[in-house]
Amino acid sequence: MSRASHTKPAEAVIESGVVASLSHEGAGIVHAGKTAFIPGALPGENVRFRRSRRHRQYDEATLTALLTESTDRVTPRCAHFEICGGCALQHLSGDAQLRFKEGQLRDNLQRIARVAPERWLAPIPGPLFGYRRRARLGVRYVDRKERVLVGFRERSSSLIAAIERCEVLSPPVDGLISPLCALIDQLSIRRAVPQIEVAVADNAVALVLRVLQPPSAQDVVHLQAFQTRHAVRLYLQSGGIESVRALDPEASMLTYQLPDAAVELQFLPTDFIQVNAAVNHALVATALSLLELSPAARVLDLYCGLGNFSLPLARRAAHVVGVEADAGLVARARANARHNLIGNVEFHSADLSADVSQLPWARSSYSHVLIDPPRVGAREVLPLLARLAPARILYVSCHPATLARDVGILAHEHGYELLAAGVVDMFAHTAHVESIALLASP
């Protein structure tokens, strides 16, 4: 839900109502007078609540009592669920979370795209806990409390939640919150470490500390001791991405496996990789199955990153072309092709929000296209896709509204048929909706 610029605190009046549905952010919606959004409330529940912040179109509210409980309600595993903003749906069963996310996709396709798939794909589930291998944790030394906090932001706040562990982070980082607090509290630069970036690879655990001041010699001793004690790799980032340096200069590249495709991908700790390893394995397998590649297939993979889809596709196709705006990721994708001895793939750097129609790779022919754009979607490249006229397009999306917009354009303006669509539970316990859509030429 959007936040209005003019808000004011609400009077402390207790009201009651029945929750009609969940918002896009996972809050319960009650239509009792002006609409109220109530974190922690579930559809069908009769609740008491207090309006905590008033807006023009709606109010934010606090749940004060459950009069009746949904059969989908479960006890959150995390002791910090009520204050930490990292998760929104731990009180909702895993199956119900998938139904909620599929409902979001259905609604967007109906309302925005004005088209329905010929078939709905079974949701791709994943582990509910210990799954998050990429994360960005906030860090702050709080003078008033005389302690360091490490974690996600509090709900509806810029403050960092005071937590001791995180149930959704991949091991061993799930249990390193308190040790990290203790480490940073030892440092002379404890007020100059604003964030820690987490990357859990198959071969190592990387923690990138953003440092606004250079650590002292004694700080480095503490960092090295932590690295050894917890069997992790520490990196320091003093500026942009190019400033990231491993504490151990001999540190090798991070890696993760796609065993079904016999592919190993190498990456840097700040590179984009899919957050959920188990779901990524299933997503890649699903993509290969839905595209139905023949040995003669020529595939274009747009927003290809470091080759997560491109290299498995190349195992089955005659030729694959990957395109990505980030030149560093393109370099890693090329290195990954060499690392895996895959010679029928090429990678190019291009800004896909600009006109790329005259670039050499865009003037070739392709039988299949896979696109995995950022949240803003792929609107700018849709005319190119229409001109290329591939037999099948697989759209992997991290935002159902922009997916629906782009699917609607491909369907209504370019004649593509929506064969299938479904959701992917990449971020369990959050309201984030990952989805896929398969389109075919008429």
Protein backbone atom coordinates (compact mmCIF):
# COMPACT_ATOMS: atom_id res chain seq x y z
CA MET A 1 0.00 0.00 0.00
CA SER A 2 1.21 3.50 -0.69
CA ARG A 3 2.05 5.90 2.08
CA ALA A 4 0.36 9.30 1.96
CA SER A 5 2.55 12.29 2.70
CA HIS A 6 0.14 13.77 5.26
CA THR A 7 -0.48 11.52 8.25
CA LYS A 8 -1.30 12.08 11.88
CA PRO A 9 -1.55 9.90 14.97
CA ALA A 10 -4.96 8.42 15.62
CA GLU A 11 -7.00 8.54 18.80
CA ALA A 12 -6.65 5.48 21.06
CA VAL A 13 -10.13 4.07 20.34
CA ILE A 14 -10.55 0.29 20.25
CA GLU A 15 -12.69 -0.96 17.35
CA SER A 16 -13.63 -4.40 16.06
CA GLY A 17 -14.22 -5.90 12.64
CA VAL A 18 -13.78 -8.91 10.38
CA VAL A 19 -10.69 -9.11 8.19
CA ALA A 20 -11.71 -9.22 4.52
CA SER A 21 -8.37 -9.94 2.86
CA LEU A 22 -4.63 -9.30 2.95
CA SER A 23 -2.94 -6.27 1.44
CA HIS A 24 -0.03 -6.54 -0.98
CA GLU A 25 2.21 -6.11 2.06
CA GLY A 26 0.50 -8.89 4.04
CA ALA A 27 -1.53 -6.75 6.45
CA GLY A 28 -5.13 -7.67 7.25
CA ILE A 29 -7.71 -5.34 5.69
CA VAL A 30 -10.80 -4.36 7.66
CA HIS A 31 -13.55 -2.24 6.11
CA ALA A 32 -15.01 -0.75 9.29
CA GLY A 33 -15.73 2.84 8.36
CA LYS A 34 -12.50 3.94 6.72
CA THR A 35 -10.38 0.98 5.63
CA ALA A 36 -7.80 -0.14 8.19
CA PHE A 37 -4.61 -2.11 7.47
CA ILE A 38 -3.69 -4.35 10.43
CA PRO A 39 -0.39 -6.26 10.45
CA GLY A 40 -0.79 -9.68 12.08
CA ALA A 41 -4.48 -10.09 11.22
CA LEU A 42 -5.65 -12.80 8.80
CA PRO A 43 -8.68 -13.10 6.49
CA GLY A 44 -11.84 -14.28 8.23
CA GLU A 45 -10.67 -13.33 11.69
CA ASN A 46 -12.78 -11.16 13.98
CA VAL A 47 -10.34 -8.73 15.55
CA ARG A 48 -10.05 -5.76 17.84
CA PHE A 49 -7.73 -3.01 16.69
CA ARG A 50 -6.60 0.53 17.35
CA ARG A 51 -5.96 3.00 14.53
CA SER A 52 -2.38 4.14 14.97
CA ARG A 53 -1.82 6.36 11.94
CA ARG A 54 -4.41 8.12 9.81
CA HIS A 55 -4.12 8.73 6.07
CA ARG A 56 -6.56 10.20 3.57
CA GLN A 57 -7.63 6.92 1.98
CA TYR A 58 -6.91 4.42 4.76
CA ASP A 59 -5.55 4.07 8.28
CA GLU A 60 -2.75 1.97 9.70
CA ALA A 61 -3.81 0.05 12.78
CA THR A 62 -2.46 -2.14 15.56
CA LEU A 63 -3.97 -5.51 16.39
CA THR A 64 -5.07 -5.56 20.04
CA ALA A 65 -7.05 -8.82 20.30
CA LEU A 66 -8.14 -11.85 18.29
CA LEU A 67 -11.81 -12.65 18.88
CA THR A 68 -11.77 -15.56 16.41
CA GLU A 69 -8.74 -17.16 14.76
CA SER A 70 -8.25 -18.34 11.19
CA THR A 71 -7.60 -22.05 10.67
CA ASP A 72 -4.58 -20.92 8.61
CA ARG A 73 -2.97 -19.21 11.62
CA VAL A 74 0.21 -20.80 12.98
CA THR A 75 2.60 -19.87 15.76
CA PRO A 76 5.58 -17.92 14.36
CA ARG A 77 8.90 -19.67 14.93
CA CYS A 78 10.81 -16.42 15.30
CA ALA A 79 10.83 -14.84 18.75
CA HIS A 80 11.22 -11.42 17.11
CA PHE A 81 8.41 -11.71 14.54
CA GLU A 82 6.24 -8.99 16.04
CA ILE A 83 8.96 -6.32 15.88
CA CYS A 84 11.22 -7.32 12.97
CA GLY A 85 10.23 -6.20 9.49
CA GLY A 86 12.16 -8.97 7.74
CA CYS A 87 9.06 -11.22 7.64
CA ALA A 88 5.39 -10.34 7.32
CA LEU A 89 3.64 -13.72 7.20
CA GLN A 90 5.16 -16.13 9.72
CA HIS A 91 1.74 -16.33 11.39
CA LEU A 92 0.23 -17.75 8.16
CA SER A 93 0.71 -21.41 7.19
CA GLY A 94 2.99 -22.17 4.26
CA ASP A 95 0.14 -23.52 2.11
CA ALA A 96 -1.95 -20.43 2.81
CA GLN A 97 0.98 -18.18 1.90
CA LEU A 98 1.15 -19.86 -1.50
CA ARG A 99 -2.60 -19.39 -1.99
CA PHE A 100 -2.24 -15.71 -1.06
CA LYS A 101 0.59 -15.22 -3.55
CA GLU A 102 -1.23 -17.08 -6.31
CA GLY A 103 -4.23 -14.85 -5.61
CA GLN A 104 -2.03 -11.79 -6.12
CA LEU A 105 -0.89 -13.12 -9.49
CA ARG A 106 -4.42 -14.08 -10.56
CA ASP A 107 -5.74 -10.64 -9.60
CA ASN A 108 -2.99 -8.81 -11.49
CA LEU A 109 -3.42 -10.90 -14.64
CA GLN A 110 -7.18 -10.37 -14.57
CA ARG A 111 -7.15 -6.68 -13.66
CA ILE A 112 -4.07 -5.43 -15.55
CA ALA A 113 -3.38 -7.93 -18.32
CA ARG A 114 -7.06 -8.82 -18.91
CA VAL A 115 -6.01 -12.35 -19.77
CA ALA A 116 -6.00 -15.72 -18.02
CA PRO A 117 -3.56 -18.58 -18.65
CA GLU A 118 -4.74 -21.74 -20.33
CA ARG A 119 -3.46 -23.59 -17.26
CA TRP A 120 -2.21 -22.71 -13.82
CA LEU A 121 1.10 -24.23 -12.83
CA ALA A 122 1.41 -25.87 -9.44
CA PRO A 123 3.18 -23.42 -7.11
CA ILE A 124 6.90 -24.05 -6.67
CA PRO A 125 7.36 -24.35 -2.90
CA GLY A 126 10.57 -24.18 -0.94
CA PRO A 127 11.92 -24.38 2.60
CA LEU A 128 10.14 -22.11 5.04
CA PHE A 129 13.18 -21.45 7.22
CA GLY A 130 16.94 -21.25 6.80
CA TYR A 131 16.61 -20.48 3.10
CA ARG A 132 17.86 -16.94 2.63
CA ARG A 133 21.41 -17.06 1.26
CA ARG A 134 21.53 -13.37 0.26
CA ALA A 135 20.60 -10.53 2.59
CA ARG A 136 21.56 -7.01 3.56
CA LEU A 137 21.58 -6.48 7.32
CA GLY A 138 21.56 -3.08 8.93
CA VAL A 139 24.07 -2.26 11.68
CA ARG A 140 23.92 0.48 14.27
CA TYR A 141 25.63 1.33 17.52
CA VAL A 142 22.92 2.73 19.82
CA ASP A 143 24.44 5.10 22.35
CA ARG A 144 21.38 5.10 24.57
CA LYS A 145 21.51 1.32 24.89
CA GLU A 146 25.30 1.16 24.70
CA ARG A 147 25.08 -1.79 22.34
CA VAL A 148 25.33 -2.75 18.69
CA LEU A 149 22.26 -3.92 16.77
CA VAL A 150 22.48 -6.11 13.65
CA GLY A 151 19.45 -7.18 11.64
CA PHE A 152 16.52 -6.02 9.56
CA ARG A 153 14.52 -2.86 10.14
CA GLU A 154 11.63 -2.78 12.55
CA ARG A 155 8.17 -2.86 11.04
CA SER A 156 7.20 0.55 9.62
CA SER A 157 10.38 2.05 11.02
CA SER A 158 13.91 2.99 10.04
CA LEU A 159 15.21 1.58 13.34
CA ILE A 160 17.06 -1.73 13.39
CA ALA A 161 15.22 -4.44 15.29
CA ALA A 162 16.93 -5.80 18.38
CA ILE A 163 17.19 -9.51 17.54
CA GLU A 164 19.43 -12.39 18.62
CA ARG A 165 19.05 -14.71 15.62
CA CYS A 166 17.17 -14.87 12.31
CA GLU A 167 15.16 -17.96 11.39
CA VAL A 168 15.07 -17.30 7.63
CA LEU A 169 18.78 -16.70 7.05
CA SER A 170 20.73 -19.70 5.76
CA PRO A 171 22.93 -21.48 8.29
CA PRO A 172 25.29 -20.61 9.82
CA VAL A 173 24.35 -16.93 9.46
CA ASP A 174 21.00 -17.55 11.17
CA GLY A 175 22.92 -18.00 14.42
CA LEU A 176 25.53 -15.29 13.90
CA ILE A 177 23.46 -12.20 14.75
CA SER A 178 24.57 -12.03 18.39
CA PRO A 179 28.22 -12.89 17.60
CA LEU A 180 28.26 -10.16 14.93
CA CYS A 181 26.91 -7.65 17.45
CA ALA A 182 29.68 -8.63 19.84
CA LEU A 183 32.33 -8.41 17.10
CA ILE A 184 31.36 -4.93 15.96
CA ASP A 185 31.06 -3.74 19.55
CA GLN A 186 34.78 -4.59 19.93
CA LEU A 187 35.85 -2.45 16.99
CA SER A 188 37.14 1.10 17.23
CA ILE A 189 34.97 1.87 14.16
CA ARG A 190 31.78 0.43 15.62
CA ARG A 191 29.90 3.65 14.78
CA ALA A 192 31.17 3.50 11.19
CA VAL A 193 29.81 0.08 10.15
CA PRO A 194 26.29 0.69 8.74
CA GLN A 195 25.57 -2.66 7.05
CA ILE A 196 26.63 -6.24 6.47
CA GLU A 197 25.91 -8.00 3.19
CA VAL A 198 25.43 -11.77 3.42
CA ALA A 199 26.24 -14.30 0.70
CA VAL A 200 26.03 -17.99 1.57
CA ALA A 201 27.68 -20.01 -1.19
CA ASP A 202 28.07 -23.77 -1.50
CA ASN A 203 31.78 -23.49 -0.72
CA ALA A 204 31.91 -20.61 1.78
CA VAL A 205 29.98 -18.04 3.81
CA ALA A 206 30.80 -14.42 2.92
CA LEU A 207 30.06 -11.38 5.08
CA VAL A 208 30.79 -7.96 3.55
CA LEU A 209 31.15 -5.21 6.15
CA ARG A 210 30.54 -1.69 4.88
CA VAL A 211 33.15 0.46 6.62
CA LEU A 212 33.03 4.27 6.58
CA GLN A 213 36.41 4.47 8.29
CA PRO A 214 39.46 2.23 7.93
CA PRO A 215 39.77 -0.38 10.69
CA SER A 216 42.69 -0.14 13.11
CA ALA A 217 45.34 -2.84 13.42
CA GLN A 218 43.58 -4.15 16.53
CA ASP A 219 40.26 -4.14 14.65
CA VAL A 220 41.83 -6.37 11.98
CA VAL A 221 42.96 -8.77 14.72
CA HIS A 222 39.36 -9.00 16.00
CA LEU A 223 38.04 -9.51 12.46
CA GLN A 224 40.52 -12.26 11.71
CA ALA A 225 39.71 -14.04 14.97
CA PHE A 226 35.97 -13.91 14.17
CA GLN A 227 36.61 -15.23 10.67
CA THR A 228 38.56 -18.20 12.03
CA ARG A 229 36.22 -18.95 14.95
CA HIS A 230 33.05 -19.02 12.81
CA ALA A 231 34.55 -20.41 9.58
CA VAL A 232 33.36 -17.47 7.47
CA ARG A 233 35.02 -15.10 5.02
CA LEU A 234 35.01 -11.43 5.90
CA TYR A 235 35.22 -8.69 3.29
CA LEU A 236 35.51 -4.94 3.81
CA GLN A 237 33.78 -2.39 1.56
CA SER A 238 35.04 1.18 1.96
CA GLY A 239 33.28 2.69 -1.08
CA GLY A 240 31.53 1.38 -4.18
CA ILE A 241 31.33 -2.24 -5.27
CA GLU A 242 34.82 -2.04 -6.73
CA SER A 243 36.24 -1.33 -3.25
CA VAL A 244 35.25 -4.72 -1.77
CA ARG A 245 38.33 -6.55 -0.51
CA ALA A 246 38.62 -9.89 1.25
CA LEU A 247 40.31 -9.90 4.63
CA ASP A 248 42.18 -12.92 3.29
CA PRO A 249 43.67 -11.83 -0.06
CA GLU A 250 43.91 -15.49 -1.13
CA ALA A 251 40.14 -16.05 -0.92
CA SER A 252 38.78 -17.94 -3.92
CA MET A 253 35.59 -17.20 -5.84
CA LEU A 254 32.28 -18.15 -4.24
CA THR A 255 30.35 -20.91 -6.01
CA TYR A 256 26.93 -22.53 -6.18
CA GLN A 257 25.82 -25.65 -8.03
CA LEU A 258 22.97 -26.38 -10.42
CA PRO A 259 23.43 -30.16 -10.27
CA ASP A 260 20.58 -31.09 -12.64
CA ALA A 261 22.32 -29.08 -15.37
CA ALA A 262 25.85 -30.07 -14.33
CA VAL A 263 26.73 -26.39 -13.89
CA GLU A 264 28.79 -24.62 -11.23
CA LEU A 265 28.57 -20.84 -11.11
CA GLN A 266 31.24 -18.61 -9.62
CA PHE A 267 30.33 -15.22 -8.19
CA LEU A 268 31.49 -12.35 -6.01
CA PRO A 269 29.89 -11.71 -2.60
CA THR A 270 28.06 -8.59 -3.84
CA ASP A 271 26.78 -10.17 -7.09
CA PHE A 272 23.07 -10.77 -7.59
CA ILE A 273 22.08 -14.42 -7.19
CA GLN A 274 18.64 -15.86 -6.48
CA VAL A 275 18.01 -15.70 -2.74
CA ASN A 276 16.66 -19.23 -2.28
CA ALA A 277 18.98 -22.00 -3.51
CA ALA A 278 16.43 -24.84 -3.37
CA VAL A 279 13.78 -22.80 -5.17
CA ASN A 280 16.31 -21.64 -7.75
CA HIS A 281 17.13 -25.27 -8.59
CA ALA A 282 13.41 -25.98 -9.10
CA LEU A 283 12.90 -22.75 -11.06
CA VAL A 284 15.71 -23.54 -13.51
CA ALA A 285 14.35 -27.07 -14.00
CA THR A 286 10.85 -25.68 -14.58
CA ALA A 287 12.14 -23.16 -17.12
CA LEU A 288 13.90 -25.90 -19.09
CA SER A 289 10.76 -28.02 -19.06
CA LEU A 290 8.36 -25.23 -20.09
CA LEU A 291 10.51 -23.95 -22.95
CA GLU A 292 10.60 -27.42 -24.58
CA LEU A 293 13.93 -26.84 -26.29
CA SER A 294 15.00 -28.90 -29.26
CA PRO A 295 18.69 -29.54 -30.04
CA ALA A 296 18.34 -26.92 -32.80
CA ALA A 297 16.90 -24.22 -30.52
CA ARG A 298 18.44 -20.74 -30.48
CA VAL A 299 17.71 -19.00 -27.18
CA LEU A 300 17.93 -15.36 -26.11
CA ASP A 301 18.27 -14.84 -22.34
CA LEU A 302 17.61 -11.23 -21.36
CA TYR A 303 18.70 -9.83 -17.97
CA CYS A 304 20.87 -12.94 -17.76
CA GLY A 305 23.04 -12.01 -14.77
CA LEU A 306 26.00 -14.33 -14.35
CA GLY A 307 24.41 -17.14 -16.38
CA ASN A 308 21.98 -18.77 -13.94
CA PHE A 309 19.58 -19.68 -16.78
CA SER A 310 21.86 -19.23 -19.79
CA LEU A 311 24.29 -22.04 -18.99
CA PRO A 312 21.65 -24.71 -18.23
CA LEU A 313 19.81 -23.62 -21.41
CA ALA A 314 23.03 -24.05 -23.39
CA ARG A 315 23.23 -27.67 -22.25
CA ARG A 316 20.07 -28.36 -24.30
CA ALA A 317 20.05 -25.78 -27.11
CA ALA A 318 22.15 -25.24 -30.21
CA HIS A 319 23.11 -21.71 -29.16
CA VAL A 320 22.32 -19.26 -26.36
CA VAL A 321 22.85 -15.49 -26.23
CA GLY A 322 22.76 -13.82 -22.81
CA VAL A 323 22.34 -10.06 -22.39
CA GLU A 324 22.87 -8.11 -19.16
CA ALA A 325 23.41 -4.43 -18.32
CA ASP A 326 25.96 -5.01 -15.55
CA ALA A 327 29.35 -5.40 -17.24
CA GLY A 328 30.77 -7.13 -14.18
CA LEU A 329 28.08 -9.81 -14.29
CA VAL A 330 28.70 -10.26 -18.02
CA ALA A 331 32.39 -10.84 -17.28
CA ARG A 332 31.46 -13.43 -14.66
CA ALA A 333 28.98 -15.07 -17.05
CA ARG A 334 31.69 -15.45 -19.69
CA ALA A 335 34.07 -16.86 -17.09
CA ASN A 336 31.37 -19.27 -15.93
CA ALA A 337 30.91 -20.52 -19.50
CA ARG A 338 34.65 -21.22 -19.70
CA HIS A 339 34.63 -22.76 -16.21
CA ASN A 340 31.92 -25.20 -17.29
CA LEU A 341 33.43 -25.83 -20.74
CA ILE A 342 30.28 -24.56 -22.45
CA GLY A 343 31.14 -23.16 -25.87
CA ASN A 344 27.71 -22.60 -27.45
CA VAL A 345 26.87 -19.49 -25.42
CA GLU A 346 27.85 -15.84 -25.74
CA PHE A 347 27.23 -12.88 -23.45
CA HIS A 348 26.79 -9.18 -24.20
CA SER A 349 26.48 -6.06 -22.08
CA ALA A 350 23.59 -3.76 -23.02
CA ASP A 351 21.17 -1.37 -21.33
CA LEU A 352 17.84 -3.08 -21.97
CA SER A 353 15.91 0.05 -21.00
CA ALA A 354 17.30 1.72 -24.14
CA ASP A 355 16.78 0.96 -27.83
CA VAL A 356 18.95 -2.10 -28.54
CA SER A 357 17.30 -3.13 -31.80
CA GLN A 358 20.35 -2.29 -33.93
CA LEU A 359 22.87 -4.24 -31.88
CA PRO A 360 24.19 -7.34 -33.68
CA TRP A 361 22.74 -9.87 -31.22
CA ALA A 362 19.32 -8.20 -31.54
CA ARG A 363 19.31 -8.71 -35.31
CA SER A 364 19.70 -12.49 -35.09
CA SER A 365 16.87 -15.00 -35.00
CA TYR A 366 15.73 -16.94 -31.93
CA SER A 367 13.28 -19.74 -31.41
CA HIS A 368 12.94 -19.14 -27.66
CA VAL A 369 13.36 -16.20 -25.27
CA LEU A 370 13.71 -16.15 -21.50
CA ILE A 371 13.46 -12.83 -19.65
CA ASP A 372 14.07 -12.25 -15.94
CA PRO A 373 13.82 -8.46 -15.50
CA PRO A 374 13.99 -6.31 -12.35
CA ARG A 375 10.85 -5.04 -10.61
CA VAL A 376 10.24 -2.37 -13.27
CA GLY A 377 9.61 -5.10 -15.83
CA ALA A 378 10.63 -5.39 -19.47
CA ARG A 379 8.36 -2.95 -21.29
CA GLU A 380 11.15 -1.40 -23.35
CA VAL A 381 12.22 -4.70 -24.93
CA LEU A 382 8.72 -5.94 -25.81
CA PRO A 383 8.77 -4.43 -29.35
CA LEU A 384 12.06 -6.24 -29.96
CA LEU A 385 10.53 -9.52 -28.79
CA ALA A 386 7.59 -8.98 -31.10
CA ARG A 387 9.93 -8.41 -34.04
CA LEU A 388 12.03 -11.48 -33.18
CA ALA A 389 8.81 -13.52 -32.97
CA PRO A 390 10.13 -16.48 -30.94
CA ALA A 391 7.88 -19.52 -30.66
CA ARG A 392 7.98 -19.37 -26.86
CA ILE A 393 8.70 -16.67 -24.29
CA LEU A 394 9.23 -17.52 -20.63
CA TYR A 395 8.88 -14.52 -18.34
CA VAL A 396 10.34 -14.85 -14.83
CA SER A 397 9.14 -12.02 -12.63
CA CYS A 398 9.76 -10.58 -9.17
CA HIS A 399 6.75 -8.24 -9.40
CA PRO A 400 3.30 -9.48 -10.49
CA ALA A 401 1.99 -6.06 -11.55
CA THR A 402 4.75 -5.42 -14.10
CA LEU A 403 4.54 -9.04 -15.26
CA ALA A 404 0.82 -8.56 -15.87
CA ARG A 405 1.39 -5.28 -17.70
CA ASP A 406 3.97 -6.86 -20.02
CA VAL A 407 1.95 -10.03 -20.58
CA GLY A 408 -1.03 -7.85 -21.50
CA ILE A 409 1.04 -5.99 -24.09
CA LEU A 410 2.38 -9.22 -25.59
CA ALA A 411 -1.11 -10.69 -25.70
CA HIS A 412 -3.20 -7.76 -26.92
CA GLU A 413 -0.71 -5.89 -29.10
CA HIS A 414 1.44 -8.72 -30.44
CA GLY A 415 -0.89 -11.72 -30.47
CA TYR A 416 0.91 -13.96 -27.97
CA GLU A 417 -1.08 -16.55 -26.06
CA LEU A 418 -0.61 -17.05 -22.33
CA LEU A 419 -0.18 -20.79 -22.02
CA ALA A 420 0.67 -21.08 -18.34
CA ALA A 421 1.41 -19.07 -15.21
CA GLY A 422 2.25 -19.79 -11.60
CA VAL A 423 3.98 -18.58 -8.48
CA VAL A 424 7.37 -19.40 -7.04
CA ASP A 425 7.89 -19.19 -3.26
CA MET A 426 11.31 -17.56 -3.43
CA PHE A 427 10.74 -15.52 -0.24
CA ALA A 428 8.73 -17.52 2.29
CA HIS A 429 7.08 -15.49 5.09
CA THR A 430 7.23 -12.28 3.05
CA ALA A 431 4.61 -10.75 0.78
CA HIS A 432 7.07 -10.83 -2.12
CA VAL A 433 5.57 -12.64 -5.14
CA GLU A 434 7.90 -14.37 -7.61
CA SER A 435 6.11 -15.76 -10.65
CA ILE A 436 6.53 -17.23 -14.12
CA ALA A 437 4.49 -16.96 -17.28
CA LEU A 438 4.82 -18.94 -20.51
CA LEU A 439 3.69 -17.33 -23.76
CA ALA A 440 3.53 -18.80 -27.27
CA SER A 441 3.31 -17.20 -30.68
CA PRO A 442 -0.09 -17.55 -32.38
